[in-house]
Amino acid sequence: MRGSKGYRRTCCWPPPGRRTCRRRSSPPWVTATACRAGPRTGSRRFHVKQALAALALSWAATVHAGGEPVRLPGPDVELSGRLYQPAGKGPFPAIVMLHGCSGMWRKDGEPTASYAFWAEHFRDRGYVALLLDSFGPRGEKEICTQAHRRVSPATDRPRDAHAALAWLAARPGVDPRRIDLIGWSNGGSAVLHTVKADSPGWQEAGPRFRAAVAFYPGCADIARAPYRPTVPLLIQAGGADDWTPARHCEAVAAAAPAGSIEIDVYPGAHHSFDRVDGRVRERPEVRNPNRPGGRGATVGPHPEAREKAIARATAWLEARGR
């Protein structure tokens, strides 16, 4: 039969002995206890306890599989994040991941679907992936709506990135010569500031990033002065992005030393075009100097651009290690 929301539901009721029912769309922890005969007395209470116990065990396993909560020394606060570790001893390449202005967490305290996808994607390709939270340790949930952003992509976040670089480089199983950097939106802007010649927090005697990728960064400020990245840099931008327009990044790439910056612009793609969930929508609450009135932006996935950008960024980073 079909439930009220249209999913198919299979029921094992009522063969002898009380049995549980499950929906086909249920997660694995439900299917593990589904359609199993229960005692004839007190069965409802028994099955509820069973389901809750299974849920608790599954939740713990899911959190571990989805990344290990970690804390690390930061420039002014103790930083936190999620570490995604591939199987084996290594040494592995690693990547520091910088979230956008909305932060990296869902309401349930887990990384958003898109950041979790990217972290698991890199882990599955043999990277130690660190999804770094720059907002929570500073008491911020998001900064998209702030007129004067209390966490700066030009100063605070580059220092965070360099702290994460040093932390990863000192970990067993990480190859300190193969640590990359990637960021999205505000995190993409932070990438640009992290890999510039006078980056805040950079130490000449310390480890260095091998290469960097910036997804739809804000390039307007960077474009006002000559820009030279200290590592190979790839920019992925949306041709229909009205929040961080691609034209500013194209100007930066054109003025940079030959071969130092590569940029791909995907026609018709809005800001956050690589999202793995949601739809294209308007965000009227966000600050946006590129729109009349200074507010609002169109954001959302573009499946074709997303798949191309995933393949492009992955292949480009892996080529840097050959």
Foldseek 3Di string as FASTA:
>chain_A
DADPVGFAWDQPPDDPADFATGTPPDDPLVVVRHGDGDHNPPGVVVVVVSSVVSVVVVVVVVLVQLFDWDWFDFPPFIWIWGKHAADDQALFFAEEEEEAQQWQADPVGHGDPLVSVVCVVVSVVGYTYTDITQAVRVPHRGQQQPPDGPAALQERLLRRVLRVLQVQVPDGSYPSQRYEYEYAESGLSSQQLNQWPPRHNDDPPGGDHAEYEGELYQQQVVLVDQTEGNHAYEYEEECPEQQRHCVSVVSNQVRYPPRRYHYDYHYPAYGQQQDPDDAWDKDFSGAGPSDVVRGMTIHDHDVVSNVVVVVVVVVVSVVSVD
